[in-house]
Amino acid sequence: MKLLRVGQSGSEIPAMMDASGRIRSLQGIVPDIAGATLTPEGLAKLRALDPATLPEISADRIGPCVGNVGKFICIGLNYADHAAESNLPVPKEPVIFLKANSAICGPDDDILIPRGSKKTDWEVELGVVIGKRASYVSEAEAMDHVAGYCVINDVSEREFQIERGGTWDKGKGCDTFGPIGPWLVTADEIADPQNLSMWLEVDGHRYQNGSTKTMVFGVRHLVHYVSQFMSLNPGDVISTGTPPGVGMGQKPEPVYLKGGEVIRLGIEGLGEQRQRVGHA
């Protein structure tokens, strides 16, 4: 299934996409694409529906595909070639940081360069949406806790992240720095999350062209690993790292967003995002 949320920010309604690409309302059936809706029982209820019986609706705006996200967890330096372009060693264990939930926005919403920014950058990433509580789960059990997958742009301000002291969080959590969607594709429709092509373009120039097959730590290990340090709950999101081609790594000089650009990005089977870059 492809699940999404449509409507203006803060008042999105839950929906699903049928086999013909029509958007069908789930209003009155589930409260949101969040929490209990994403559990195995919640998804089974939705699978039992006949989409043709649901009202067709238009989508002037697509919102983030998961509502009321509990935790927005990110994995840093999870592609060896991205670590190299960042002049950092490949981690021996996953690098975990949290992105502010207030950064979450729709897949086609504007990205706003924060005040004082000099180094706003892009990162296409595979998002993993949790559907079943995970605490100290084994690798063998980890995939049972995944509801589905989505596209994420882990927008980053590199000066705030690296040069302003402390942890990475201040360069990762600015408003609009977490576009999620356009839809959540349930795990049963993705045969192998470790074999998905992914790409990102700025003003038509392709900077990132990678695949989830080159992750240092795969989805199974990440769900297992993160659950050793915190409980994962339905609706939590893990952003799993980016392949090479970020602005910071461009040669001979880094390339950063200035405002006015259009970013397009996508992951095989998970849809595309499009954002115009403005200023806060």
Protein backbone atom coordinates (compact mmCIF):
# COMPACT_ATOMS: atom_id res chain seq x y z
CA MET A 1 0.00 0.00 0.00
CA LYS A 2 0.90 3.62 -0.51
CA LEU A 3 -0.32 5.74 2.40
CA LEU A 4 -0.23 9.51 2.44
CA ARG A 5 -1.61 12.61 4.11
CA VAL A 6 -3.17 15.45 2.11
CA GLY A 7 -4.31 18.95 2.95
CA GLN A 8 -2.95 22.11 4.43
CA SER A 9 -0.24 21.99 7.08
CA GLY A 10 -1.66 20.96 10.42
CA SER A 11 -4.98 19.76 9.01
CA GLU A 12 -3.95 16.89 6.74
CA ILE A 13 -6.31 13.95 6.29
CA PRO A 14 -5.21 10.31 5.92
CA ALA A 15 -5.42 8.73 2.49
CA MET A 16 -4.23 5.83 0.36
CA MET A 17 -3.31 5.61 -3.29
CA ASP A 18 -5.12 3.02 -5.37
CA ALA A 19 -3.57 0.91 -8.14
CA SER A 20 -4.45 3.56 -10.74
CA GLY A 21 -2.77 6.37 -8.82
CA ARG A 22 -6.01 7.89 -7.53
CA ILE A 23 -5.97 9.27 -4.00
CA ARG A 24 -8.67 7.77 -1.78
CA SER A 25 -9.71 9.32 1.53
CA LEU A 26 -9.33 7.33 4.75
CA GLN A 27 -11.08 10.00 6.80
CA GLY A 28 -13.43 8.37 9.29
CA ILE A 29 -11.65 5.03 8.95
CA VAL A 30 -8.40 5.90 10.73
CA PRO A 31 -7.56 9.11 12.59
CA ASP A 32 -4.20 9.59 10.86
CA ILE A 33 -1.27 7.80 9.21
CA ALA A 34 0.36 7.58 12.61
CA GLY A 35 0.71 5.49 15.73
CA ALA A 36 -1.74 2.58 15.89
CA THR A 37 -2.57 2.87 12.16
CA LEU A 38 0.99 1.73 11.39
CA THR A 39 0.92 -1.40 13.56
CA PRO A 40 0.50 -4.81 11.92
CA GLU A 41 -3.14 -4.80 13.04
CA GLY A 42 -3.73 -1.28 11.76
CA LEU A 43 -2.22 -2.03 8.36
CA ALA A 44 -4.20 -5.28 8.11
CA LYS A 45 -7.40 -3.26 8.59
CA LEU A 46 -6.43 -0.99 5.69
CA ARG A 47 -5.47 -3.91 3.44
CA ALA A 48 -8.94 -5.36 3.91
CA LEU A 49 -10.52 -2.26 2.35
CA ASP A 50 -11.60 -2.06 -1.28
CA PRO A 51 -10.09 1.26 -2.43
CA ALA A 52 -12.83 1.61 -5.06
CA THR A 53 -15.37 2.08 -2.25
CA LEU A 54 -13.46 5.04 -0.78
CA PRO A 55 -14.07 8.66 -1.84
CA GLU A 56 -11.60 9.96 -4.41
CA ILE A 57 -10.01 13.24 -3.37
CA SER A 58 -7.64 15.73 -4.95
CA ALA A 59 -4.40 16.80 -3.34
CA ASP A 60 -3.49 20.46 -3.63
CA ARG A 61 -0.79 19.70 -1.09
CA ILE A 62 0.73 16.44 0.10
CA GLY A 63 1.84 16.55 3.72
CA PRO A 64 4.51 14.49 5.47
CA CYS A 65 3.49 10.86 5.05
CA VAL A 66 3.65 10.14 8.80
CA GLY A 67 1.79 12.27 11.31
CA ASN A 68 2.64 12.91 14.93
CA VAL A 69 6.15 11.45 14.59
CA GLY A 70 7.42 10.44 18.02
CA LYS A 71 11.14 10.33 17.27
CA PHE A 72 13.01 11.45 14.15
CA ILE A 73 16.24 9.43 14.35
CA CYS A 74 19.07 9.89 11.87
CA ILE A 75 22.13 7.82 11.03
CA GLY A 76 25.29 9.70 10.09
CA LEU A 77 28.07 8.70 7.69
CA ASN A 78 26.31 5.47 6.71
CA TYR A 79 27.78 5.32 3.19
CA ALA A 80 31.55 4.80 3.02
CA ASP A 81 31.97 7.09 0.01
CA HIS A 82 30.00 9.87 1.74
CA ALA A 83 32.24 9.53 4.80
CA ALA A 84 35.23 9.91 2.47
CA GLU A 85 33.88 13.08 0.85
CA SER A 86 33.26 14.44 4.37
CA ASN A 87 36.89 13.67 5.30
CA LEU A 88 35.70 11.47 8.14
CA PRO A 89 36.42 7.80 8.91
CA VAL A 90 33.83 5.09 8.24
CA PRO A 91 32.14 4.51 11.63
CA LYS A 92 32.74 1.23 13.45
CA GLU A 93 29.19 1.49 14.82
CA PRO A 94 26.22 3.51 13.56
CA VAL A 95 26.34 7.24 14.36
CA ILE A 96 22.98 8.26 15.85
CA PHE A 97 21.59 11.77 16.16
CA LEU A 98 18.07 13.17 16.49
CA LYS A 99 16.49 15.64 14.11
CA ALA A 100 13.92 18.03 15.61
CA ASN A 101 10.33 16.99 14.88
CA SER A 102 9.58 20.64 14.10
CA ALA A 103 11.78 20.24 11.00
CA ILE A 104 9.25 17.86 9.43
CA CYS A 105 7.37 19.17 6.41
CA GLY A 106 5.71 17.92 3.25
CA PRO A 107 7.71 16.51 0.34
CA ASP A 108 7.03 19.50 -1.93
CA ASP A 109 7.00 22.26 0.69
CA ASP A 110 9.55 25.05 0.39
CA ILE A 111 12.90 24.60 2.11
CA LEU A 112 13.83 27.75 4.04
CA ILE A 113 17.49 28.65 4.46
CA PRO A 114 17.81 29.66 8.12
CA ARG A 115 18.88 33.11 9.20
CA GLY A 116 22.66 33.48 9.27
CA SER A 117 23.19 30.36 7.14
CA LYS A 118 26.14 30.14 4.79
CA LYS A 119 26.26 26.40 4.15
CA THR A 120 22.79 24.87 3.66
CA ASP A 121 23.12 21.45 2.00
CA TRP A 122 21.03 18.49 0.79
CA GLU A 123 20.95 14.72 1.50
CA VAL A 124 18.62 12.17 -0.12
CA GLU A 125 17.94 9.37 2.37
CA LEU A 126 15.84 6.23 2.79
CA GLY A 127 13.36 6.63 5.65
CA VAL A 128 12.30 3.62 7.71
CA VAL A 129 8.95 3.92 9.51
CA ILE A 130 8.46 1.80 12.62
CA GLY A 131 5.20 -0.13 12.95
CA LYS A 132 5.72 -2.27 16.03
CA ARG A 133 7.38 -1.38 19.33
CA ALA A 134 11.03 -2.40 19.30
CA SER A 135 13.15 -2.67 22.42
CA TYR A 136 16.33 -4.77 22.43
CA VAL A 137 15.23 -6.61 19.29
CA SER A 138 17.57 -9.04 17.57
CA GLU A 139 18.66 -8.62 13.98
CA ALA A 140 16.58 -11.69 13.11
CA GLU A 141 13.44 -9.98 14.43
CA ALA A 142 14.20 -6.42 13.36
CA MET A 143 12.32 -6.35 10.05
CA ASP A 144 9.11 -7.46 11.79
CA HIS A 145 9.07 -3.99 13.36
CA VAL A 146 9.14 -2.03 10.08
CA ALA A 147 5.85 -0.66 8.75
CA GLY A 148 7.30 0.78 5.57
CA TYR A 149 9.64 3.18 3.80
CA CYS A 150 9.69 6.72 2.43
CA VAL A 151 11.91 9.36 0.87
CA ILE A 152 13.59 11.91 3.17
CA ASN A 153 15.68 14.97 2.38
CA ASP A 154 17.95 15.39 5.41
CA VAL A 155 18.60 19.09 4.78
CA SER A 156 21.66 20.24 6.74
CA GLU A 157 23.41 23.49 7.59
CA ARG A 158 27.09 22.50 7.67
CA GLU A 159 28.46 25.51 9.54
CA PHE A 160 25.84 25.09 12.27
CA GLN A 161 26.48 21.33 12.29
CA ILE A 162 30.27 21.24 12.32
CA GLU A 163 31.70 24.63 13.20
CA ARG A 164 29.43 25.99 15.91
CA GLY A 165 30.31 23.61 18.77
CA GLY A 166 28.52 20.69 20.37
CA THR A 167 26.68 17.93 18.54
CA TRP A 168 25.28 17.90 14.99
CA ASP A 169 21.71 18.65 16.03
CA LYS A 170 21.74 22.44 15.59
CA GLY A 171 22.62 22.04 11.91
CA LYS A 172 19.99 19.38 11.31
CA GLY A 173 16.82 20.54 13.02
CA CYS A 174 15.98 23.89 11.43
CA ASP A 175 12.40 24.42 10.30
CA THR A 176 11.67 22.72 6.93
CA PHE A 177 14.86 20.60 7.15
CA GLY A 178 12.88 17.32 7.17
CA PRO A 179 10.70 16.79 4.07
CA ILE A 180 9.11 13.32 4.36
CA GLY A 181 7.11 11.55 1.64
CA PRO A 182 5.30 11.77 -0.72
CA TRP A 183 3.95 8.51 0.61
CA LEU A 184 4.75 5.66 2.93
CA VAL A 185 5.13 2.41 0.98
CA THR A 186 4.40 -0.58 3.20
CA ALA A 187 7.22 -3.04 3.74
CA ASP A 188 5.50 -5.88 1.87
CA GLU A 189 5.84 -3.89 -1.39
CA ILE A 190 9.62 -3.39 -1.08
CA ALA A 191 11.30 -6.72 -1.80
CA ASP A 192 14.77 -5.56 -0.75
CA PRO A 193 15.34 -2.19 0.94
CA GLN A 194 19.08 -2.73 0.36
CA ASN A 195 18.73 -2.54 -3.42
CA LEU A 196 17.01 0.76 -4.18
CA SER A 197 18.46 3.41 -6.48
CA MET A 198 18.35 6.98 -5.17
CA TRP A 199 19.15 10.38 -6.65
CA LEU A 200 19.03 14.13 -6.07
CA GLU A 201 19.20 17.09 -8.47
CA VAL A 202 19.53 20.82 -7.91
CA ASP A 203 18.29 22.96 -10.81
CA GLY A 204 18.48 19.93 -13.07
CA HIS A 205 22.08 19.01 -12.20
CA ARG A 206 22.34 15.54 -10.71
CA TYR A 207 24.59 15.66 -7.66
CA GLN A 208 23.61 12.39 -5.95
CA ASN A 209 23.20 9.10 -7.80
CA GLY A 210 23.50 6.15 -5.46
CA SER A 211 21.96 2.99 -4.10
CA THR A 212 20.99 1.68 -0.70
CA LYS A 213 23.14 -1.38 -1.48
CA THR A 214 26.23 0.64 -0.46
CA MET A 215 25.04 1.38 3.08
CA VAL A 216 27.62 0.54 5.74
CA PHE A 217 24.87 -0.65 8.08
CA GLY A 218 21.65 -1.93 6.52
CA VAL A 219 18.07 -1.43 7.66
CA ARG A 220 17.93 -4.70 9.60
CA HIS A 221 21.03 -3.85 11.61
CA LEU A 222 19.95 -0.25 12.20
CA VAL A 223 16.56 -1.17 13.68
CA HIS A 224 18.27 -3.74 15.90
CA TYR A 225 21.06 -1.37 16.87
CA VAL A 226 18.95 1.69 17.67
CA SER A 227 16.60 -0.45 19.78
CA GLN A 228 19.49 -1.24 22.12
CA PHE A 229 19.60 2.42 23.16
CA MET A 230 15.96 3.55 23.02
CA SER A 231 12.55 2.03 22.48
CA LEU A 232 11.18 2.48 18.99
CA ASN A 233 7.43 3.04 18.75
CA PRO A 234 4.94 2.95 15.87
CA GLY A 235 5.36 6.15 13.88
CA ASP A 236 9.00 6.71 14.78
CA VAL A 237 11.15 7.41 11.72
CA ILE A 238 14.77 6.44 11.07
CA SER A 239 16.60 8.32 8.31
CA THR A 240 19.37 5.97 7.24
CA GLY A 241 22.12 8.16 5.77
CA THR A 242 23.03 9.56 2.38
CA PRO A 243 25.21 8.47 -0.56
CA PRO A 244 27.96 10.77 -1.89
CA GLY A 245 27.25 13.93 -3.82
CA VAL A 246 26.29 16.40 -1.09
CA GLY A 247 27.18 20.04 -1.60
CA MET A 248 29.87 19.97 1.06
CA GLY A 249 31.78 17.32 -0.90
CA GLN A 250 31.86 19.03 -4.31
CA LYS A 251 35.27 19.69 -5.91
CA PRO A 252 37.12 21.95 -6.32
CA GLU A 253 34.78 24.00 -4.12
CA PRO A 254 31.70 23.09 -2.04
CA VAL A 255 28.31 24.06 -3.45
CA TYR A 256 25.66 25.34 -1.06
CA LEU A 257 22.09 26.50 -1.50
CA LYS A 258 21.66 30.27 -1.91
CA GLY A 259 17.91 30.54 -2.47
CA GLY A 260 15.79 30.25 -5.60
CA GLU A 261 16.95 26.74 -6.51
CA VAL A 262 14.64 23.80 -7.15
CA ILE A 263 15.62 20.45 -5.60
CA ARG A 264 14.26 17.18 -6.94
CA LEU A 265 15.00 13.82 -5.36
CA GLY A 266 13.65 10.31 -5.35
CA ILE A 267 14.13 6.68 -4.41
CA GLU A 268 13.15 3.73 -6.56
CA GLY A 269 9.58 2.65 -5.76
CA LEU A 270 9.08 5.37 -3.15
CA GLY A 271 8.26 8.42 -5.24
CA GLU A 272 9.81 11.84 -5.69
CA GLN A 273 10.05 15.14 -3.85
CA ARG A 274 10.36 18.66 -5.26
CA GLN A 275 11.28 21.68 -3.17
CA ARG A 276 11.88 25.32 -3.97
CA VAL A 277 14.51 26.96 -1.79
CA GLY A 278 13.65 30.21 -0.01
CA HIS A 279 14.74 32.10 3.11
CA ALA A 280 13.41 32.10 6.67
